[in-house]
Amino acid sequence: MTLIQAIILGIVEGITEFLPISSTGHMILVGTLLRIPQTEFLKTFEIVIQLGAIIAVGFLYIKTLLTKRVVWFPLIAAFIPTSIIGFIMYKFVKQFLLGNSMITVIALGLGGIAFYAIEQILKRHTPKATTLEKITIPQAILIGVGQSVSIIPGVSRAAASIFTGMLIGLSRQTAVEFSFLLAIPTMIAFILPVIIGTLVAFVTAMVTVKLFLKYVQSHTFFPFAIYRIFLAIGFWYFILRS
């Protein structure tokens, strides 16, 4: 992947993540257009750059999260079913669906038809929850279940959560805002291994650098030579030889 390709994918992620058009679907299609091979690196890259979107929505809604703590309970209630279903289906989705352009195209098309149908249905409904504070726990759970459908590339996490919310009584504005907030725990959980690994690497590297600088003041590199030789022999004998 070139730097230009990385920038393009970053722009696509930033624009599409919170719109009901599927950021993952667009990333797959743009990757295909740019002729970027669907490797494990690309799949991981597409997951990791979501951190930028998390930071953006966290920055924009930090005041809401701090001043309207009553919203935390519905967010937790919505996150639980999403996390359970996502955990169960993650390996299957990553292996068979993520990176599949045909699945993405089908999901995008069917999603568009579903949007039109839902909008027609909603014309006859008056929303009951017009603010974030009025969202009930049962409503939040249903939104979380609805959002879990977005593990299929092309469905859109934002679309699934927004339209589920509107169908069960949330106003358009409230559904969109709740979807934005729900993105924070959902996306953090999705890239949690990367976040934890990065933090652990940061801490261990800080300690190692300080200890190593202190070590070289009065020692040679001879122990490292011994370590490398024994590591090579041991790994070959116990792992590669068999």
Protein backbone atom coordinates (compact mmCIF):
# COMPACT_ATOMS: atom_id res chain seq x y z
CA MET A 1 0.00 0.00 0.00
CA THR A 2 1.32 3.42 -0.95
CA LEU A 3 1.03 6.60 1.10
CA ILE A 4 -1.48 8.04 -1.40
CA GLN A 5 -3.63 4.92 -1.13
CA ALA A 6 -3.54 5.15 2.67
CA ILE A 7 -4.64 8.81 2.53
CA ILE A 8 -7.49 7.99 0.15
CA LEU A 9 -8.72 5.17 2.39
CA GLY A 10 -8.47 7.48 5.41
CA ILE A 11 -10.62 10.09 3.66
CA VAL A 12 -13.18 7.44 2.68
CA GLU A 13 -13.32 6.14 6.26
CA GLY A 14 -13.74 9.63 7.71
CA ILE A 15 -16.56 10.54 5.34
CA THR A 16 -18.51 7.29 5.37
CA GLU A 17 -18.18 6.01 8.95
CA PHE A 18 -21.13 7.96 10.35
CA LEU A 19 -23.24 8.16 7.20
CA PRO A 20 -25.79 5.36 6.54
CA ILE A 21 -23.90 4.14 3.48
CA SER A 22 -21.43 1.62 5.01
CA SER A 23 -17.85 2.68 5.59
CA THR A 24 -16.63 -0.93 5.41
CA GLY A 25 -18.42 -1.43 2.12
CA HIS A 26 -16.88 1.70 0.63
CA MET A 27 -13.43 0.73 1.92
CA ILE A 28 -13.74 -2.63 0.17
CA LEU A 29 -14.94 -1.10 -3.09
CA VAL A 30 -12.33 1.68 -3.06
CA GLY A 31 -9.64 -0.87 -2.26
CA THR A 32 -10.77 -2.85 -5.30
CA LEU A 33 -10.71 0.27 -7.50
CA LEU A 34 -7.20 1.11 -6.28
CA ARG A 35 -6.15 -2.49 -6.96
CA ILE A 36 -5.00 -3.00 -3.39
CA PRO A 37 -4.69 -6.76 -2.71
CA GLN A 38 -7.17 -8.05 -0.08
CA THR A 39 -4.47 -9.18 2.33
CA GLU A 40 -4.55 -9.58 6.11
CA PHE A 41 -2.63 -6.30 6.32
CA LEU A 42 -5.34 -4.43 4.43
CA LYS A 43 -8.10 -5.94 6.59
CA THR A 44 -6.21 -4.93 9.73
CA PHE A 45 -5.51 -1.44 8.32
CA GLU A 46 -9.22 -0.93 7.60
CA ILE A 47 -9.99 -1.82 11.21
CA VAL A 48 -7.23 0.27 12.80
CA ILE A 49 -8.01 3.55 11.00
CA GLN A 50 -11.45 3.50 12.61
CA LEU A 51 -9.61 4.83 15.65
CA GLY A 52 -9.53 8.22 13.93
CA ALA A 53 -13.32 8.20 13.61
CA ILE A 54 -13.67 7.22 17.28
CA ILE A 55 -11.50 10.14 18.36
CA ALA A 56 -13.53 12.54 16.19
CA VAL A 57 -16.94 11.58 17.60
CA GLY A 58 -15.52 11.42 21.12
CA PHE A 59 -14.16 14.94 20.73
CA LEU A 60 -17.48 16.25 19.40
CA TYR A 61 -19.64 14.55 22.03
CA ILE A 62 -17.42 14.66 25.12
CA LYS A 63 -19.61 17.37 26.67
CA THR A 64 -22.77 15.31 26.10
CA LEU A 65 -21.21 12.23 27.67
CA LEU A 66 -20.04 14.18 30.72
CA THR A 67 -23.19 16.24 31.31
CA LYS A 68 -25.84 13.66 30.34
CA ARG A 69 -24.68 10.60 32.24
CA VAL A 70 -28.19 9.15 32.11
CA VAL A 71 -27.35 8.31 28.49
CA TRP A 72 -24.65 5.88 29.63
CA PHE A 73 -27.14 3.21 30.68
CA PRO A 74 -28.89 2.95 27.29
CA LEU A 75 -25.48 2.96 25.59
CA ILE A 76 -24.31 0.06 27.74
CA ALA A 77 -27.59 -1.79 27.15
CA ALA A 78 -27.23 -1.34 23.38
CA PHE A 79 -23.57 -2.29 23.36
CA ILE A 80 -24.04 -5.65 25.12
CA PRO A 81 -26.03 -7.47 22.40
CA THR A 82 -23.85 -5.94 19.70
CA SER A 83 -20.67 -7.15 21.41
CA ILE A 84 -22.01 -10.67 22.02
CA ILE A 85 -23.21 -11.17 18.45
CA GLY A 86 -20.09 -9.50 17.06
CA PHE A 87 -17.81 -11.74 19.16
CA ILE A 88 -19.60 -14.88 17.98
CA MET A 89 -19.59 -13.91 14.30
CA TYR A 90 -16.27 -12.02 14.02
CA LYS A 91 -14.06 -14.86 12.74
CA PHE A 92 -16.65 -15.96 10.19
CA VAL A 93 -17.15 -12.42 8.91
CA LYS A 94 -13.43 -11.66 8.70
CA GLN A 95 -12.68 -14.93 6.89
CA PHE A 96 -15.58 -15.11 4.44
CA LEU A 97 -17.27 -11.71 4.13
CA LEU A 98 -14.74 -8.95 4.80
CA GLY A 99 -13.12 -8.01 1.51
CA ASN A 100 -15.82 -9.69 -0.59
CA SER A 101 -16.87 -7.10 -3.18
CA MET A 102 -19.92 -9.09 -4.34
CA ILE A 103 -21.36 -9.39 -0.82
CA THR A 104 -20.74 -5.68 -0.34
CA VAL A 105 -22.50 -4.70 -3.58
CA ILE A 106 -25.52 -6.88 -2.75
CA ALA A 107 -25.76 -5.48 0.79
CA LEU A 108 -25.48 -1.90 -0.47
CA GLY A 109 -28.24 -2.44 -3.03
CA LEU A 110 -30.61 -4.26 -0.68
CA GLY A 111 -29.89 -1.65 1.99
CA GLY A 112 -30.95 1.13 -0.36
CA ILE A 113 -34.25 -0.63 -1.07
CA ALA A 114 -34.77 -1.20 2.67
CA PHE A 115 -34.12 2.50 3.39
CA TYR A 116 -36.80 3.53 0.92
CA ALA A 117 -39.32 1.09 2.39
CA ILE A 118 -38.58 2.14 5.97
CA GLU A 119 -38.93 5.83 5.13
CA GLN A 120 -42.38 5.08 3.68
CA ILE A 121 -43.37 3.23 6.86
CA LEU A 122 -42.08 6.02 9.12
CA LYS A 123 -44.31 8.60 7.44
CA ARG A 124 -47.21 7.15 9.44
CA HIS A 125 -45.40 7.13 12.79
CA THR A 126 -44.93 9.84 15.40
CA PRO A 127 -41.67 9.48 17.35
CA LYS A 128 -41.95 9.02 21.13
CA ALA A 129 -38.32 9.56 22.14
CA THR A 130 -37.31 13.01 20.96
CA THR A 131 -34.22 13.39 23.17
CA LEU A 132 -31.40 11.09 24.25
CA GLU A 133 -32.69 11.11 27.84
CA LYS A 134 -36.00 9.56 26.75
CA ILE A 135 -34.47 6.41 25.27
CA THR A 136 -35.52 3.38 27.34
CA ILE A 137 -33.38 0.33 28.10
CA PRO A 138 -35.58 -2.02 26.01
CA GLN A 139 -35.30 0.39 23.07
CA ALA A 140 -31.52 0.52 23.50
CA ILE A 141 -31.27 -3.28 23.53
CA LEU A 142 -33.25 -3.51 20.30
CA ILE A 143 -30.98 -0.90 18.70
CA GLY A 144 -27.96 -2.96 19.76
CA VAL A 145 -29.44 -6.08 18.18
CA GLY A 146 -30.27 -4.15 15.02
CA GLN A 147 -26.77 -2.70 14.87
CA SER A 148 -25.24 -6.19 14.97
CA VAL A 149 -26.53 -6.81 11.43
CA SER A 150 -23.88 -4.35 10.28
CA ILE A 151 -21.16 -7.00 10.71
CA ILE A 152 -22.09 -7.84 7.12
CA PRO A 153 -19.99 -5.56 4.86
CA GLY A 154 -22.18 -3.09 3.02
CA VAL A 155 -24.99 -2.96 5.58
CA SER A 156 -23.65 0.06 7.55
CA ARG A 157 -23.46 0.27 11.32
CA ALA A 158 -24.91 3.78 11.26
CA ALA A 159 -27.82 2.76 9.03
CA ALA A 160 -28.65 -0.33 11.09
CA SER A 161 -28.69 1.55 14.40
CA ILE A 162 -30.41 4.70 13.06
CA PHE A 163 -33.25 2.94 11.26
CA THR A 164 -33.77 0.46 14.09
CA GLY A 165 -34.05 3.41 16.46
CA MET A 166 -36.51 5.23 14.23
CA LEU A 167 -38.66 2.10 13.76
CA ILE A 168 -39.03 1.66 17.53
CA GLY A 169 -39.96 5.26 18.27
CA LEU A 170 -36.88 7.50 18.24
CA SER A 171 -36.96 10.77 16.34
CA ARG A 172 -34.57 11.08 13.41
CA GLN A 173 -32.28 13.49 15.30
CA THR A 174 -32.24 11.35 18.44
CA ALA A 175 -31.59 8.15 16.49
CA VAL A 176 -28.64 9.74 14.68
CA GLU A 177 -27.11 11.14 17.89
CA PHE A 178 -27.53 7.83 19.71
CA SER A 179 -25.92 6.05 16.76
CA PHE A 180 -22.94 8.41 16.94
CA LEU A 181 -22.50 7.80 20.67
CA LEU A 182 -22.97 4.04 20.32
CA ALA A 183 -20.16 4.04 17.78
CA ILE A 184 -17.64 4.83 20.52
CA PRO A 185 -17.88 1.62 22.61
CA THR A 186 -18.70 -0.49 19.55
CA MET A 187 -15.65 0.58 17.55
CA ILE A 188 -13.34 0.55 20.57
CA ALA A 189 -14.34 -3.05 21.27
CA PHE A 190 -13.73 -3.91 17.62
CA ILE A 191 -10.14 -2.67 17.71
CA LEU A 192 -9.50 -3.41 21.40
CA PRO A 193 -6.73 -5.97 20.73
CA VAL A 194 -4.86 -3.34 18.68
CA ILE A 195 -5.29 -0.70 21.40
CA ILE A 196 -4.14 -3.05 24.18
CA GLY A 197 -1.22 -4.33 22.12
CA THR A 198 -0.11 -0.78 21.35
CA LEU A 199 -0.29 0.30 25.00
CA VAL A 200 1.63 -2.77 26.18
CA ALA A 201 4.27 -2.22 23.48
CA PHE A 202 4.59 1.43 24.58
CA VAL A 203 5.13 0.55 28.24
CA THR A 204 7.54 -2.33 27.61
CA ALA A 205 9.52 -0.27 25.08
CA MET A 206 9.89 2.61 27.56
CA VAL A 207 11.23 0.23 30.21
CA THR A 208 13.49 -1.61 27.76
CA VAL A 209 15.05 1.57 26.35
CA LYS A 210 15.93 2.88 29.82
CA LEU A 211 17.34 -0.46 31.00
CA PHE A 212 19.30 -0.99 27.78
CA LEU A 213 20.92 2.45 27.93
CA LYS A 214 21.96 1.73 31.50
CA TYR A 215 23.24 -1.73 30.53
CA VAL A 216 25.53 -0.59 27.67
CA GLN A 217 27.37 1.79 29.98
CA SER A 218 29.26 -1.10 31.57
CA HIS A 219 28.58 -4.24 29.49
CA THR A 220 29.36 -5.69 26.06
CA PHE A 221 26.96 -7.22 23.54
CA PHE A 222 28.38 -10.72 24.13
CA PRO A 223 25.23 -11.97 26.00
CA PHE A 224 23.10 -10.97 23.02
CA ALA A 225 25.35 -12.98 20.70
CA ILE A 226 24.88 -16.06 22.91
CA TYR A 227 21.12 -15.44 23.08
CA ARG A 228 20.77 -15.21 19.28
CA ILE A 229 22.78 -18.37 18.68
CA PHE A 230 20.85 -20.43 21.26
CA LEU A 231 17.52 -19.03 20.05
CA ALA A 232 18.30 -20.01 16.44
CA ILE A 233 19.45 -23.51 17.39
CA GLY A 234 16.60 -24.08 19.85
CA PHE A 235 13.89 -22.88 17.47
CA TRP A 236 15.26 -24.98 14.63
CA TYR A 237 15.57 -28.11 16.79
CA PHE A 238 12.23 -27.97 18.59
CA ILE A 239 10.00 -26.26 16.01
CA LEU A 240 11.32 -26.28 12.44
CA ARG A 241 12.99 -29.72 12.49
CA SER A 242 9.70 -31.46 13.27
